[in-house]
Amino acid sequence: MRKNIGIIFMCVLFALPAYADKDEKIQELIRIMNLSEQEVYLDAQIVTPIACSFDLSATEETSVRNSIIEALDYTNQVTEMVKPFWEENFSEQELEDLLNFYRTGVGKKTLDLMPQMTQYVAEKVAEYQEGLRPKITKIVSDLMVEHSRRSDVEREFCIRKKFGQ
């Protein structure tokens, strides 16, 4: 029994540094990517209206923003929300590879352009989806016409076939 407890203790003891290393890498990745400092929502929804209401100077607005972030423990909360994604989807070596990449010139450029790239992709996808609306409407319309041409027996058969009856 003591031998088993000793083995368990040694496993836990040797496993902790590996987790700490991975955890440290995740923390560094979050820091490098500024994931915990994405305060756009705070600015648009909270800080800007307060600044306008009270006619705050830029310095006062910055002070209010920092006070809110500190009071909400914003950075730690966001970090804790995104950490599980990195823990579940990346090995320690992959995290190290990402960190090495983001430290290179092209990695830094990628990080700098990430917000614009995300916005660009979102706009292009929205445009594409908007263009699909007439096509989808036609497909559904054609299906409805086809469906209305079927006899009651054929519709009943399709329904039963679909639902396994």
C-alpha atoms as a PDB file:
ATOM      1  CA  MET A   1       0.000   0.000   0.000  1.00  0.00           C
ATOM      2  CA  ARG A   2       2.791   2.442   0.930  1.00  0.00           C
ATOM      3  CA  LYS A   3       4.597   1.516  -2.250  1.00  0.00           C
ATOM      4  CA  ASN A   4       1.481   2.445  -4.306  1.00  0.00           C
ATOM      5  CA  ILE A   5       1.154   5.779  -2.498  1.00  0.00           C
ATOM      6  CA  GLY A   6       4.829   6.463  -3.161  1.00  0.00           C
ATOM      7  CA  ILE A   7       4.404   5.688  -6.861  1.00  0.00           C
ATOM      8  CA  ILE A   8       1.327   7.913  -7.083  1.00  0.00           C
ATOM      9  CA  PHE A   9       3.172  10.725  -5.276  1.00  0.00           C
ATOM     10  CA  MET A  10       6.152  10.447  -7.653  1.00  0.00           C
ATOM     11  CA  CYS A  11       3.831  10.485 -10.706  1.00  0.00           C
ATOM     12  CA  VAL A  12       2.102  13.607  -9.444  1.00  0.00           C
ATOM     13  CA  LEU A  13       5.416  15.213  -8.538  1.00  0.00           C
ATOM     14  CA  PHE A  14       6.920  14.577 -11.988  1.00  0.00           C
ATOM     15  CA  ALA A  15       3.692  15.475 -13.831  1.00  0.00           C
ATOM     16  CA  LEU A  16       3.398  18.931 -12.245  1.00  0.00           C
ATOM     17  CA  PRO A  17       6.350  20.570 -13.998  1.00  0.00           C
ATOM     18  CA  ALA A  18       5.084  19.378 -17.409  1.00  0.00           C
ATOM     19  CA  TYR A  19       1.680  20.922 -16.748  1.00  0.00           C
ATOM     20  CA  ALA A  20       3.285  24.083 -15.411  1.00  0.00           C
ATOM     21  CA  ASP A  21       5.372  24.310 -18.589  1.00  0.00           C
ATOM     22  CA  LYS A  22       2.296  23.861 -20.771  1.00  0.00           C
ATOM     23  CA  ASP A  23       0.347  26.316 -18.633  1.00  0.00           C
ATOM     24  CA  GLU A  24       3.170  28.847 -18.896  1.00  0.00           C
ATOM     25  CA  LYS A  25       3.233  28.420 -22.663  1.00  0.00           C
ATOM     26  CA  ILE A  26      -0.515  28.976 -22.861  1.00  0.00           C
ATOM     27  CA  GLN A  27      -0.168  32.101 -20.711  1.00  0.00           C
ATOM     28  CA  GLU A  28       2.596  33.395 -22.980  1.00  0.00           C
ATOM     29  CA  LEU A  29       0.586  32.617 -26.115  1.00  0.00           C
ATOM     30  CA  ILE A  30      -2.435  34.469 -24.726  1.00  0.00           C
ATOM     31  CA  ARG A  31      -0.166  37.410 -23.862  1.00  0.00           C
ATOM     32  CA  ILE A  32       1.534  37.498 -27.268  1.00  0.00           C
ATOM     33  CA  MET A  33      -1.798  37.284 -29.083  1.00  0.00           C
ATOM     34  CA  ASN A  34      -3.319  39.960 -26.824  1.00  0.00           C
ATOM     35  CA  LEU A  35      -6.343  37.710 -26.331  1.00  0.00           C
ATOM     36  CA  SER A  36      -6.924  38.973 -22.819  1.00  0.00           C
ATOM     37  CA  GLU A  37      -6.648  42.603 -23.869  1.00  0.00           C
ATOM     38  CA  GLN A  38      -9.395  42.686 -26.469  1.00  0.00           C
ATOM     39  CA  GLU A  39     -11.365  45.484 -24.866  1.00  0.00           C
ATOM     40  CA  VAL A  40     -13.392  46.585 -27.880  1.00  0.00           C
ATOM     41  CA  TYR A  41     -16.645  45.560 -26.194  1.00  0.00           C
ATOM     42  CA  LEU A  42     -15.752  47.463 -23.045  1.00  0.00           C
ATOM     43  CA  ASP A  43     -14.919  50.576 -25.035  1.00  0.00           C
ATOM     44  CA  ALA A  44     -17.991  50.515 -27.263  1.00  0.00           C
ATOM     45  CA  GLN A  45     -20.556  49.451 -24.681  1.00  0.00           C
ATOM     46  CA  ILE A  46     -19.294  50.905 -21.421  1.00  0.00           C
ATOM     47  CA  VAL A  47     -16.347  53.299 -21.502  1.00  0.00           C
ATOM     48  CA  THR A  48     -17.306  55.471 -24.491  1.00  0.00           C
ATOM     49  CA  PRO A  49     -20.853  56.209 -23.246  1.00  0.00           C
ATOM     50  CA  ILE A  50     -19.468  57.064 -19.799  1.00  0.00           C
ATOM     51  CA  ALA A  51     -16.790  59.293 -21.319  1.00  0.00           C
ATOM     52  CA  CYS A  52     -19.406  61.110 -23.415  1.00  0.00           C
ATOM     53  CA  SER A  53     -21.856  61.460 -20.522  1.00  0.00           C
ATOM     54  CA  PHE A  54     -19.279  62.957 -18.196  1.00  0.00           C
ATOM     55  CA  ASP A  55     -17.230  64.776 -20.846  1.00  0.00           C
ATOM     56  CA  LEU A  56     -14.049  62.973 -19.814  1.00  0.00           C
ATOM     57  CA  SER A  57     -10.635  63.830 -21.191  1.00  0.00           C
ATOM     58  CA  ALA A  58      -8.591  61.126 -22.927  1.00  0.00           C
ATOM     59  CA  THR A  59      -6.539  60.645 -19.756  1.00  0.00           C
ATOM     60  CA  GLU A  60      -9.678  60.318 -17.620  1.00  0.00           C
ATOM     61  CA  GLU A  61     -11.210  57.901 -20.130  1.00  0.00           C
ATOM     62  CA  THR A  62      -8.084  55.723 -19.983  1.00  0.00           C
ATOM     63  CA  SER A  63      -8.235  55.818 -16.187  1.00  0.00           C
ATOM     64  CA  VAL A  64     -11.911  54.783 -16.209  1.00  0.00           C
ATOM     65  CA  ARG A  65     -11.166  51.927 -18.678  1.00  0.00           C
ATOM     66  CA  ASN A  66      -8.270  50.672 -16.538  1.00  0.00           C
ATOM     67  CA  SER A  67     -10.362  50.888 -13.358  1.00  0.00           C
ATOM     68  CA  ILE A  68     -13.176  48.886 -14.958  1.00  0.00           C
ATOM     69  CA  ILE A  69     -10.781  46.241 -16.288  1.00  0.00           C
ATOM     70  CA  GLU A  70      -9.161  45.925 -12.879  1.00  0.00           C
ATOM     71  CA  ALA A  71     -12.463  45.831 -10.989  1.00  0.00           C
ATOM     72  CA  LEU A  72     -13.864  43.157 -13.292  1.00  0.00           C
ATOM     73  CA  ASP A  73     -10.615  41.170 -13.247  1.00  0.00           C
ATOM     74  CA  TYR A  74     -11.138  41.273 -17.012  1.00  0.00           C
ATOM     75  CA  THR A  75      -7.739  40.040 -18.146  1.00  0.00           C
ATOM     76  CA  ASN A  76      -7.776  36.992 -15.846  1.00  0.00           C
ATOM     77  CA  GLN A  77     -11.395  36.182 -16.672  1.00  0.00           C
ATOM     78  CA  VAL A  78     -10.747  36.231 -20.434  1.00  0.00           C
ATOM     79  CA  THR A  79      -7.556  34.232 -19.953  1.00  0.00           C
ATOM     80  CA  GLU A  80      -9.429  31.558 -17.989  1.00  0.00           C
ATOM     81  CA  MET A  81     -12.118  31.423 -20.684  1.00  0.00           C
ATOM     82  CA  VAL A  82      -9.703  30.814 -23.567  1.00  0.00           C
ATOM     83  CA  LYS A  83      -7.162  28.564 -21.804  1.00  0.00           C
ATOM     84  CA  PRO A  84      -9.238  25.373 -22.134  1.00  0.00           C
ATOM     85  CA  PHE A  85      -9.246  25.752 -25.923  1.00  0.00           C
ATOM     86  CA  TRP A  86      -5.449  25.743 -26.012  1.00  0.00           C
ATOM     87  CA  GLU A  87      -5.168  22.962 -23.416  1.00  0.00           C
ATOM     88  CA  GLU A  88      -7.547  20.674 -25.292  1.00  0.00           C
ATOM     89  CA  ASN A  89      -6.333  21.295 -28.833  1.00  0.00           C
ATOM     90  CA  PHE A  90      -2.560  21.769 -28.626  1.00  0.00           C
ATOM     91  CA  SER A  91       0.250  19.693 -27.206  1.00  0.00           C
ATOM     92  CA  GLU A  92       3.073  21.344 -25.309  1.00  0.00           C
ATOM     93  CA  GLN A  93       5.312  21.016 -28.378  1.00  0.00           C
ATOM     94  CA  GLU A  94       2.675  22.601 -30.622  1.00  0.00           C
ATOM     95  CA  LEU A  95       2.357  25.505 -28.196  1.00  0.00           C
ATOM     96  CA  GLU A  96       6.131  25.932 -28.298  1.00  0.00           C
ATOM     97  CA  ASP A  97       6.022  25.878 -32.115  1.00  0.00           C
ATOM     98  CA  LEU A  98       3.305  28.551 -32.127  1.00  0.00           C
ATOM     99  CA  LEU A  99       5.265  30.715 -29.716  1.00  0.00           C
ATOM    100  CA  ASN A 100       8.372  30.382 -31.879  1.00  0.00           C
ATOM    101  CA  PHE A 101       6.355  31.294 -34.973  1.00  0.00           C
ATOM    102  CA  TYR A 102       4.736  34.355 -33.364  1.00  0.00           C
ATOM    103  CA  ARG A 103       8.183  35.588 -32.320  1.00  0.00           C
ATOM    104  CA  THR A 104       9.326  35.675 -35.977  1.00  0.00           C
ATOM    105  CA  GLY A 105       8.803  38.620 -38.299  1.00  0.00           C
ATOM    106  CA  VAL A 106       6.013  36.943 -40.246  1.00  0.00           C
ATOM    107  CA  GLY A 107       4.436  35.752 -36.980  1.00  0.00           C
ATOM    108  CA  LYS A 108       4.411  39.306 -35.608  1.00  0.00           C
ATOM    109  CA  LYS A 109       2.956  40.562 -38.891  1.00  0.00           C
ATOM    110  CA  THR A 110       0.259  37.870 -38.714  1.00  0.00           C
ATOM    111  CA  LEU A 111      -0.665  38.996 -35.205  1.00  0.00           C
ATOM    112  CA  ASP A 112      -0.709  42.644 -36.260  1.00  0.00           C
ATOM    113  CA  LEU A 113      -2.997  41.882 -39.215  1.00  0.00           C
ATOM    114  CA  MET A 114      -5.215  39.360 -37.407  1.00  0.00           C
ATOM    115  CA  PRO A 115      -7.999  41.850 -36.502  1.00  0.00           C
ATOM    116  CA  GLN A 116      -8.197  43.189 -40.068  1.00  0.00           C
ATOM    117  CA  MET A 117      -8.035  39.670 -41.508  1.00  0.00           C
ATOM    118  CA  THR A 118     -10.836  38.486 -39.230  1.00  0.00           C
ATOM    119  CA  GLN A 119     -12.993  41.462 -40.193  1.00  0.00           C
ATOM    120  CA  TYR A 120     -12.207  40.994 -43.900  1.00  0.00           C
ATOM    121  CA  VAL A 121     -13.123  37.303 -43.821  1.00  0.00           C
ATOM    122  CA  ALA A 122     -16.338  38.018 -41.883  1.00  0.00           C
ATOM    123  CA  GLU A 123     -17.361  40.669 -44.443  1.00  0.00           C
ATOM    124  CA  LYS A 124     -16.592  38.400 -47.410  1.00  0.00           C
ATOM    125  CA  VAL A 125     -18.522  35.489 -45.892  1.00  0.00           C
ATOM    126  CA  ALA A 126     -21.481  37.798 -45.168  1.00  0.00           C
ATOM    127  CA  GLU A 127     -21.427  39.048 -48.785  1.00  0.00           C
ATOM    128  CA  TYR A 128     -21.289  35.471 -50.069  1.00  0.00           C
ATOM    129  CA  GLN A 129     -24.151  34.387 -47.826  1.00  0.00           C
ATOM    130  CA  GLU A 130     -26.230  37.384 -48.898  1.00  0.00           C
ATOM    131  CA  GLY A 131     -25.675  36.331 -52.519  1.00  0.00           C
ATOM    132  CA  LEU A 132     -26.952  32.856 -51.650  1.00  0.00           C
ATOM    133  CA  ARG A 133     -30.351  34.119 -50.525  1.00  0.00           C
ATOM    134  CA  PRO A 134     -31.894  34.244 -54.058  1.00  0.00           C
ATOM    135  CA  LYS A 135     -30.427  30.835 -54.913  1.00  0.00           C
ATOM    136  CA  ILE A 136     -31.758  29.258 -51.712  1.00  0.00           C
ATOM    137  CA  THR A 137     -35.162  30.883 -52.261  1.00  0.00           C
ATOM    138  CA  LYS A 138     -35.323  29.368 -55.772  1.00  0.00           C
ATOM    139  CA  ILE A 139     -34.283  25.920 -54.538  1.00  0.00           C
ATOM    140  CA  VAL A 140     -36.919  25.969 -51.795  1.00  0.00           C
ATOM    141  CA  SER A 141     -39.537  27.278 -54.219  1.00  0.00           C
ATOM    142  CA  ASP A 142     -38.741  24.510 -56.717  1.00  0.00           C
ATOM    143  CA  LEU A 143     -38.941  21.906 -53.949  1.00  0.00           C
ATOM    144  CA  MET A 144     -42.314  23.249 -52.839  1.00  0.00           C
ATOM    145  CA  VAL A 145     -43.652  23.071 -56.410  1.00  0.00           C
ATOM    146  CA  GLU A 146     -42.343  19.507 -56.744  1.00  0.00           C
ATOM    147  CA  HIS A 147     -43.861  18.601 -53.395  1.00  0.00           C
ATOM    148  CA  SER A 148     -47.239  20.064 -54.340  1.00  0.00           C
ATOM    149  CA  ARG A 149     -47.284  17.967 -57.557  1.00  0.00           C
ATOM    150  CA  ARG A 150     -46.982  14.737 -55.618  1.00  0.00           C
ATOM    151  CA  SER A 151     -50.072  12.835 -54.719  1.00  0.00           C
ATOM    152  CA  ASP A 152     -51.121  12.434 -51.110  1.00  0.00           C
ATOM    153  CA  VAL A 153     -49.935   8.803 -51.226  1.00  0.00           C
ATOM    154  CA  GLU A 154     -46.457   9.840 -52.449  1.00  0.00           C
ATOM    155  CA  ARG A 155     -46.162  12.524 -49.749  1.00  0.00           C
ATOM    156  CA  GLU A 156     -47.239  10.048 -47.076  1.00  0.00           C
ATOM    157  CA  PHE A 157     -44.669   7.530 -48.371  1.00  0.00           C
ATOM    158  CA  CYS A 158     -41.878  10.167 -48.278  1.00  0.00           C
ATOM    159  CA  ILE A 159     -42.799  11.173 -44.728  1.00  0.00           C
ATOM    160  CA  ARG A 160     -42.857   7.557 -43.522  1.00  0.00           C
ATOM    161  CA  LYS A 161     -39.580   6.801 -45.288  1.00  0.00           C
ATOM    162  CA  LYS A 162     -37.938   9.854 -43.765  1.00  0.00           C
ATOM    163  CA  PHE A 163     -39.049   9.077 -40.220  1.00  0.00           C
ATOM    164  CA  GLY A 164     -38.583   5.308 -40.458  1.00  0.00           C
ATOM    165  CA  GLN A 165     -42.183   4.272 -40.065  1.00  0.00           C
END
